[in-house]
């Protein structure tokens, strides 16, 4: 049964011809959006800000770098860079012995 499904699909693709390319852009009304030089079609994502938005919920209690890596699945080097920036910006505090991080709003 599965083999016949693939055969039907192959047959459909062979008979569809070049005009039915599924990768072609959707048909539109022909409108063109003018953009100034250097503009993009959408606002770029700020992943650091997304990290900060989640950081306070992840650091209710002080956590280590390795714990943050496990919780976020981000690269350790990326988290380290963002943690340094967040400390410099005053969003989190860094504790020593052992090194741990906590959101300023959650500091006990």
N, C-alpha and C. Protein backbone atom coordinates (compact mmCIF):
# COMPACT_ATOMS: atom_id res chain seq x y z
N UNK A 1 0.83 -1.19 0.00
CA UNK A 1 0.00 0.00 0.00
C UNK A 1 0.87 1.25 0.00
N UNK A 2 1.90 1.29 0.86
CA UNK A 2 2.77 2.44 0.93
C UNK A 2 3.52 2.64 -0.38
N UNK A 3 3.94 1.51 -1.02
CA UNK A 3 4.64 1.59 -2.30
C UNK A 3 3.77 2.22 -3.37
N UNK A 4 2.49 1.90 -3.40
CA UNK A 4 1.59 2.47 -4.41
C UNK A 4 1.39 3.96 -4.17
N UNK A 5 1.44 4.40 -2.91
CA UNK A 5 1.31 5.82 -2.61
C UNK A 5 2.49 6.59 -3.19
N UNK A 6 3.71 6.04 -3.02
CA UNK A 6 4.89 6.69 -3.58
C UNK A 6 4.85 6.69 -5.10
N UNK A 7 4.37 5.60 -5.69
CA UNK A 7 4.26 5.53 -7.15
C UNK A 7 3.28 6.58 -7.65
N UNK A 8 2.17 6.77 -6.96
CA UNK A 8 1.20 7.78 -7.36
C UNK A 8 1.79 9.18 -7.25
N UNK A 9 2.55 9.41 -6.19
CA UNK A 9 3.20 10.70 -6.00
C UNK A 9 4.21 10.96 -7.11
N UNK A 10 5.02 9.95 -7.44
CA UNK A 10 5.99 10.09 -8.53
C UNK A 10 5.29 10.41 -9.83
N UNK A 11 4.21 9.71 -10.08
CA UNK A 11 3.45 9.92 -11.31
C UNK A 11 2.89 11.33 -11.37
N UNK A 12 2.35 11.80 -10.26
CA UNK A 12 1.80 13.15 -10.20
C UNK A 12 2.90 14.18 -10.47
N UNK A 13 4.07 13.96 -9.89
CA UNK A 13 5.17 14.90 -10.09
C UNK A 13 5.66 14.90 -11.54
N UNK A 14 5.72 13.73 -12.15
CA UNK A 14 6.17 13.65 -13.54
C UNK A 14 5.19 14.35 -14.48
N UNK A 15 3.91 14.26 -14.18
CA UNK A 15 2.90 14.82 -15.08
C UNK A 15 2.55 16.27 -14.74
N UNK A 16 3.08 16.79 -13.67
CA UNK A 16 2.72 18.15 -13.28
C UNK A 16 3.41 19.19 -14.14
N UNK A 17 4.58 18.87 -14.68
CA UNK A 17 5.28 19.79 -15.57
C UNK A 17 5.97 20.92 -14.84
N UNK A 18 6.73 21.72 -15.57
CA UNK A 18 7.52 22.78 -14.96
C UNK A 18 6.70 23.96 -14.44
N UNK A 19 5.45 24.09 -14.89
CA UNK A 19 4.64 25.23 -14.47
C UNK A 19 4.11 25.09 -13.05
N UNK A 20 4.22 23.91 -12.45
CA UNK A 20 3.65 23.71 -11.12
C UNK A 20 4.74 23.61 -10.06
N UNK A 21 5.77 24.38 -10.23
CA UNK A 21 6.87 24.40 -9.27
C UNK A 21 6.37 24.87 -7.91
N UNK A 22 6.54 24.04 -6.90
CA UNK A 22 6.05 24.38 -5.57
C UNK A 22 6.92 25.41 -4.87
N UNK A 23 8.09 25.69 -5.42
CA UNK A 23 8.98 26.66 -4.79
C UNK A 23 8.80 28.06 -5.33
N UNK A 24 7.92 28.24 -6.27
CA UNK A 24 7.73 29.56 -6.84
C UNK A 24 6.97 30.44 -5.85
N UNK A 25 7.18 31.75 -5.91
CA UNK A 25 6.48 32.63 -4.98
C UNK A 25 5.00 32.63 -5.23
N UNK A 26 4.21 32.89 -4.21
CA UNK A 26 2.76 32.90 -4.39
C UNK A 26 2.34 34.03 -5.32
N UNK A 27 1.27 33.78 -6.04
CA UNK A 27 0.76 34.80 -6.95
C UNK A 27 0.23 35.96 -6.13
N UNK A 28 0.56 37.15 -6.52
CA UNK A 28 0.12 38.32 -5.79
C UNK A 28 -0.62 39.27 -6.69
N UNK A 29 -0.88 40.46 -6.20
CA UNK A 29 -1.60 41.44 -6.98
C UNK A 29 -0.65 42.34 -7.75
N UNK A 30 0.66 42.03 -7.68
CA UNK A 30 1.63 42.81 -8.43
C UNK A 30 2.12 44.04 -7.68
N UNK A 31 1.66 44.25 -6.47
CA UNK A 31 2.07 45.42 -5.70
C UNK A 31 3.54 45.29 -5.31
N UNK A 32 4.24 46.39 -5.36
CA UNK A 32 5.64 46.41 -4.97
C UNK A 32 5.78 47.37 -3.80
N UNK A 33 6.46 46.92 -2.76
CA UNK A 33 6.67 47.76 -1.60
C UNK A 33 8.03 48.43 -1.74
N UNK A 34 8.04 49.75 -1.75
CA UNK A 34 9.28 50.49 -1.87
C UNK A 34 9.91 50.62 -0.50
N UNK A 35 11.21 50.35 -0.43
CA UNK A 35 11.93 50.49 0.82
C UNK A 35 13.16 51.35 0.60
N UNK A 36 13.51 52.11 1.60
CA UNK A 36 14.69 52.93 1.53
C UNK A 36 15.92 52.05 1.64
N UNK A 37 17.05 52.53 1.15
CA UNK A 37 18.30 51.78 1.25
C UNK A 37 18.61 51.51 2.71
N UNK A 38 18.99 50.28 3.01
CA UNK A 38 19.34 49.91 4.37
C UNK A 38 18.17 49.43 5.21
N UNK A 39 16.94 49.56 4.74
CA UNK A 39 15.77 49.09 5.48
C UNK A 39 15.59 47.60 5.27
N UNK A 40 15.05 46.93 6.27
CA UNK A 40 14.73 45.53 6.11
C UNK A 40 13.21 45.39 6.15
N UNK A 41 12.73 44.25 5.69
CA UNK A 41 11.29 44.02 5.63
C UNK A 41 10.68 43.80 7.02
N UNK A 42 11.49 43.46 8.00
CA UNK A 42 10.98 43.23 9.34
C UNK A 42 12.00 43.67 10.38
N UNK A 43 11.58 43.79 11.60
CA UNK A 43 12.45 44.20 12.69
C UNK A 43 13.37 43.04 13.07
N UNK A 44 14.66 43.28 13.21
CA UNK A 44 15.57 42.18 13.58
C UNK A 44 15.32 41.73 15.02
N UNK A 45 15.56 40.47 15.28
CA UNK A 45 15.40 39.91 16.61
C UNK A 45 16.58 40.30 17.49
N UNK A 46 16.32 40.58 18.73
CA UNK A 46 17.36 40.87 19.70
C UNK A 46 17.40 39.70 20.67
N UNK A 47 18.27 38.73 20.41
CA UNK A 47 18.33 37.53 21.23
C UNK A 47 18.83 37.81 22.64
N UNK A 48 19.68 38.80 22.81
CA UNK A 48 20.12 39.18 24.15
C UNK A 48 18.92 39.63 24.98
N UNK A 49 18.04 40.43 24.38
CA UNK A 49 16.85 40.89 25.10
C UNK A 49 15.94 39.71 25.44
N UNK A 50 15.83 38.76 24.54
CA UNK A 50 15.03 37.56 24.82
C UNK A 50 15.64 36.78 25.99
N UNK A 51 16.97 36.71 26.01
CA UNK A 51 17.67 36.05 27.11
C UNK A 51 17.38 36.76 28.43
N UNK A 52 17.46 38.09 28.42
CA UNK A 52 17.16 38.85 29.64
C UNK A 52 15.73 38.64 30.10
N UNK A 53 14.80 38.59 29.16
CA UNK A 53 13.40 38.39 29.50
C UNK A 53 13.18 37.08 30.25
N UNK A 54 13.94 36.04 29.91
CA UNK A 54 13.80 34.74 30.56
C UNK A 54 14.70 34.59 31.77
N UNK A 55 15.75 35.40 31.85
CA UNK A 55 16.77 35.23 32.88
C UNK A 55 16.22 35.32 34.30
N UNK A 56 15.34 36.26 34.57
CA UNK A 56 14.80 36.41 35.93
C UNK A 56 13.98 35.20 36.35
N UNK A 57 13.27 34.59 35.43
CA UNK A 57 12.51 33.39 35.80
C UNK A 57 13.44 32.20 36.01
N UNK A 58 14.61 32.22 35.37
CA UNK A 58 15.57 31.13 35.53
C UNK A 58 16.45 31.31 36.76
N UNK A 59 16.54 32.53 37.27
CA UNK A 59 17.45 32.81 38.38
C UNK A 59 16.70 33.32 39.60
N UNK A 60 15.61 32.67 39.94
CA UNK A 60 14.88 33.01 41.16
C UNK A 60 15.82 32.79 42.35
N UNK A 61 16.55 31.70 42.32
CA UNK A 61 17.63 31.43 43.28
C UNK A 61 18.93 31.54 42.49
N UNK A 62 20.04 31.87 43.13
CA UNK A 62 21.32 31.94 42.41
C UNK A 62 21.64 30.62 41.69
N UNK A 63 22.07 30.72 40.44
CA UNK A 63 22.39 29.53 39.64
C UNK A 63 23.78 29.67 39.04
N UNK A 64 24.38 28.53 38.74
CA UNK A 64 25.70 28.51 38.13
C UNK A 64 25.59 28.61 36.62
N UNK A 65 26.72 28.87 36.00
CA UNK A 65 26.77 28.92 34.54
C UNK A 65 26.34 27.58 33.95
N UNK A 66 26.84 26.49 34.50
CA UNK A 66 26.48 25.17 33.98
C UNK A 66 24.99 24.88 34.11
N UNK A 67 24.37 25.35 35.18
CA UNK A 67 22.93 25.18 35.33
C UNK A 67 22.17 25.97 34.27
N UNK A 68 22.64 27.18 33.97
CA UNK A 68 22.00 27.97 32.91
C UNK A 68 22.17 27.32 31.55
N UNK A 69 23.34 26.73 31.31
CA UNK A 69 23.56 26.02 30.05
C UNK A 69 22.56 24.87 29.92
N UNK A 70 22.38 24.12 31.00
CA UNK A 70 21.43 22.99 30.98
C UNK A 70 19.99 23.46 30.79
N UNK A 71 19.64 24.59 31.40
CA UNK A 71 18.26 25.09 31.32
C UNK A 71 17.93 25.69 29.96
N UNK A 72 18.92 26.25 29.29
CA UNK A 72 18.65 26.98 28.05
C UNK A 72 19.10 26.26 26.78
N UNK A 73 20.02 25.31 26.91
CA UNK A 73 20.60 24.60 25.76
C UNK A 73 21.37 25.56 24.84
N UNK A 74 21.81 26.69 25.39
CA UNK A 74 22.66 27.61 24.64
C UNK A 74 24.12 27.22 24.85
N UNK A 75 24.99 27.71 23.97
CA UNK A 75 26.42 27.45 24.12
C UNK A 75 26.95 28.18 25.35
N UNK A 76 27.83 27.52 26.05
CA UNK A 76 28.41 28.08 27.28
C UNK A 76 29.07 29.42 27.01
N UNK A 77 29.77 29.54 25.89
CA UNK A 77 30.45 30.80 25.56
C UNK A 77 29.46 31.93 25.31
N UNK A 78 28.31 31.61 24.70
CA UNK A 78 27.29 32.64 24.45
C UNK A 78 26.67 33.11 25.76
N UNK A 79 26.34 32.17 26.63
CA UNK A 79 25.77 32.55 27.92
C UNK A 79 26.76 33.36 28.74
N UNK A 80 28.03 32.96 28.71
CA UNK A 80 29.07 33.71 29.45
C UNK A 80 29.13 35.16 28.98
N UNK A 81 29.10 35.34 27.67
CA UNK A 81 29.16 36.70 27.11
C UNK A 81 27.94 37.52 27.54
N UNK A 82 26.75 36.92 27.45
CA UNK A 82 25.53 37.63 27.83
C UNK A 82 25.47 37.88 29.33
N UNK A 83 25.99 36.95 30.15
CA UNK A 83 26.00 37.15 31.60
C UNK A 83 26.91 38.32 31.97
N UNK A 84 28.08 38.41 31.34
CA UNK A 84 28.98 39.54 31.59
C UNK A 84 28.28 40.85 31.24
N UNK A 85 27.61 40.86 30.11
CA UNK A 85 26.89 42.06 29.67
C UNK A 85 25.75 42.40 30.64
N UNK A 86 25.03 41.38 31.09
CA UNK A 86 23.91 41.60 32.01
C UNK A 86 24.40 42.11 33.36
N UNK A 87 25.55 41.64 33.82
CA UNK A 87 26.14 42.14 35.07
C UNK A 87 26.53 43.60 34.87
N UNK A 88 27.21 43.91 33.77
CA UNK A 88 27.63 45.29 33.48
C UNK A 88 26.43 46.23 33.37
N UNK A 89 25.33 45.72 32.81
CA UNK A 89 24.12 46.54 32.62
C UNK A 89 23.28 46.63 33.90
N UNK A 90 23.65 45.87 34.93
CA UNK A 90 22.92 45.91 36.20
C UNK A 90 21.68 45.06 36.27
N UNK A 91 21.51 44.13 35.31
CA UNK A 91 20.32 43.27 35.31
C UNK A 91 20.44 42.11 36.29
N UNK A 92 21.67 41.63 36.49
CA UNK A 92 21.88 40.51 37.41
C UNK A 92 23.09 40.80 38.28
N UNK A 93 23.19 40.04 39.36
CA UNK A 93 24.35 40.14 40.24
C UNK A 93 25.13 38.83 40.15
N UNK A 94 26.43 38.95 40.32
CA UNK A 94 27.31 37.79 40.29
C UNK A 94 27.84 37.55 41.69
N UNK A 95 27.64 36.34 42.19
CA UNK A 95 28.16 35.94 43.49
C UNK A 95 29.43 35.11 43.26
N UNK A 96 30.35 35.14 44.21
CA UNK A 96 31.58 34.36 44.12
C UNK A 96 31.58 33.25 45.16
N UNK A 97 32.41 32.26 44.91
CA UNK A 97 32.68 31.12 45.83
C UNK A 97 31.42 30.37 46.21
N UNK A 98 30.79 29.59 45.43
CA UNK A 98 31.03 29.39 44.01
C UNK A 98 30.37 30.50 43.19
N UNK A 99 30.82 30.63 41.95
CA UNK A 99 30.27 31.66 41.07
C UNK A 99 28.84 31.28 40.71
N UNK A 100 27.91 32.22 40.98
CA UNK A 100 26.50 32.02 40.69
C UNK A 100 25.92 33.36 40.26
N UNK A 101 24.77 33.32 39.60
CA UNK A 101 24.13 34.52 39.09
C UNK A 101 22.68 34.55 39.54
N UNK A 102 22.19 35.78 39.79
CA UNK A 102 20.79 35.95 40.18
C UNK A 102 20.28 37.27 39.66
N UNK A 103 19.04 37.28 39.22
CA UNK A 103 18.40 38.49 38.75
C UNK A 103 18.30 39.49 39.89
N UNK A 104 18.54 40.76 39.62
CA UNK A 104 18.51 41.81 40.64
C UNK A 104 17.15 41.86 41.32
N UNK A 105 16.07 41.70 40.57
CA UNK A 105 14.71 41.76 41.13
C UNK A 105 14.45 40.60 42.09
N UNK A 106 15.19 39.48 41.91
CA UNK A 106 14.97 38.28 42.74
C UNK A 106 15.93 38.21 43.92
N UNK A 107 16.83 39.17 44.06
CA UNK A 107 17.85 39.11 45.10
C UNK A 107 17.17 39.16 46.47
N UNK A 108 17.56 38.21 47.31
CA UNK A 108 16.95 38.11 48.64
C UNK A 108 17.59 39.07 49.60
